[in-house]
Protein backbone atom coordinates (compact mmCIF):
# COMPACT_ATOMS: atom_id res chain seq x y z
CA UNK A 1 0.00 0.00 0.00
CA UNK A 2 2.84 2.40 0.81
CA UNK A 3 4.38 1.94 -2.62
CA UNK A 4 1.39 3.64 -4.25
CA UNK A 5 1.37 6.65 -1.91
CA UNK A 6 3.95 8.72 -3.90
CA UNK A 7 2.06 8.03 -7.13
CA UNK A 8 -1.28 9.05 -5.59
CA UNK A 9 0.28 12.21 -4.14
CA UNK A 10 1.79 13.09 -7.52
CA UNK A 11 -1.54 12.57 -9.30
CA UNK A 12 -3.38 14.70 -6.73
CA UNK A 13 -0.78 17.44 -7.02
CA UNK A 14 -1.02 17.49 -10.81
CA UNK A 15 -4.82 17.64 -10.66
CA UNK A 16 -4.72 20.53 -8.18
CA UNK A 17 -2.13 22.40 -10.26
CA UNK A 18 -4.31 21.96 -13.34
CA UNK A 19 -7.35 23.34 -11.54
CA UNK A 20 -5.49 26.31 -10.08
CA UNK A 21 -3.72 27.04 -13.36
CA UNK A 22 -6.94 27.29 -15.33
CA UNK A 23 -7.19 30.88 -16.49
CA UNK A 24 -10.27 32.87 -15.64
CA UNK A 25 -11.23 35.04 -18.62
CA UNK A 26 -10.17 38.65 -18.09
CA UNK A 27 -12.77 41.38 -18.18
CA UNK A 28 -12.46 43.27 -21.43
CA UNK A 29 -13.14 46.96 -20.94
CA UNK A 30 -15.90 48.48 -23.02
CA UNK A 31 -15.22 51.91 -24.48
CA UNK A 32 -12.13 53.78 -25.60
CA UNK A 33 -8.85 54.99 -24.22
CA UNK A 34 -7.89 58.17 -26.07
CA UNK A 35 -4.25 59.32 -26.10
CA UNK A 36 -3.12 62.80 -27.17
CA UNK A 37 0.50 63.14 -28.28
CA UNK A 38 1.04 66.40 -30.22
CA UNK A 39 -0.95 68.86 -32.29
CA UNK A 40 0.61 67.34 -35.40
CA UNK A 41 -0.48 63.75 -34.78
CA UNK A 42 -3.96 62.20 -34.78
CA UNK A 43 -5.38 61.01 -31.47
CA UNK A 44 -4.52 57.45 -30.54
CA UNK A 45 -7.86 55.70 -30.04
CA UNK A 46 -7.84 52.24 -28.43
CA UNK A 47 -11.31 50.64 -28.59
CA UNK A 48 -12.20 47.99 -26.00
CA UNK A 49 -8.55 47.63 -24.89
CA UNK A 50 -7.26 44.41 -23.36
CA UNK A 51 -3.86 43.45 -22.03
CA UNK A 52 -0.76 45.61 -22.04
CA UNK A 53 -0.77 48.38 -24.68
CA UNK A 54 2.38 50.33 -25.55
CA UNK A 55 1.91 54.11 -25.60
CA UNK A 56 3.24 56.34 -28.39
CA UNK A 57 6.64 57.81 -27.50
CA UNK A 58 5.22 61.38 -27.52
CA UNK A 59 2.09 60.56 -25.48
CA UNK A 60 1.08 63.63 -23.47
CA UNK A 61 -2.34 62.85 -22.00
CA UNK A 62 -4.73 59.91 -21.62
CA UNK A 63 -8.54 60.03 -21.41
CA UNK A 64 -10.26 56.93 -19.99
CA UNK A 65 -13.64 56.57 -21.69
CA UNK A 66 -13.98 52.88 -20.72
CA UNK A 67 -15.98 51.27 -17.93
CA UNK A 68 -12.86 50.12 -16.03
CA UNK A 69 -9.81 51.71 -14.38
CA UNK A 70 -6.74 52.17 -16.61
CA UNK A 71 -3.25 51.81 -15.11
CA UNK A 72 -0.43 53.79 -16.75
CA UNK A 73 3.02 52.19 -16.50
CA UNK A 74 6.52 53.68 -16.67
CA UNK A 75 7.75 50.91 -18.98
CA UNK A 76 6.50 49.32 -22.23
CA UNK A 77 5.90 45.91 -20.58
CA UNK A 78 3.35 46.91 -17.87
CA UNK A 79 5.77 46.08 -15.05
CA UNK A 80 6.30 49.42 -13.23
CA UNK A 81 2.88 50.86 -12.31
CA UNK A 82 2.43 54.60 -12.13
CA UNK A 83 -1.04 56.11 -11.89
CA UNK A 84 -4.55 54.69 -12.11
CA UNK A 85 -7.08 56.65 -14.19
CA UNK A 86 -10.69 55.97 -13.25
CA UNK A 87 -13.46 55.72 -15.88
CA UNK A 88 -14.54 59.16 -17.07
CA UNK A 89 -11.26 60.81 -16.00
CA UNK A 90 -8.02 61.75 -17.72
CA UNK A 91 -4.41 62.34 -16.78
CA UNK A 92 -1.31 64.07 -18.03
CA UNK A 93 1.39 61.54 -18.79
CA UNK A 94 4.97 61.68 -17.61
CA UNK A 95 7.38 61.94 -20.55
CA UNK A 96 8.40 58.45 -21.52
CA UNK A 97 5.39 56.69 -19.99
CA UNK A 98 5.58 53.33 -21.62
CA UNK A 99 2.22 51.56 -21.58
CA UNK A 100 -1.22 51.14 -20.10
CA UNK A 101 -3.53 48.28 -19.17
CA UNK A 102 -7.15 47.99 -18.15
CA UNK A 103 -7.95 46.48 -14.75
């Protein structure tokens, strides 16, 4: 009986890891994130954004017209969080802000 114990424990562990590793679908924001860069460039309009989105290098301000908070990051990989912009609000961006994501 003891010889099967490691095998049973391994099977249970794999089953638990599979259940915990199952991804829950992320909430996709509805609406638009609008980014202003300069007077000489069109607005950047991101409709129903999901995941990490790289900002234009000259991004100056961000307007959150979605139904979810938007987090602005200091890097292009959404690793170093900066500010959170609530739905219906906007924010000036720090030069070199790298990306945004929707929570």
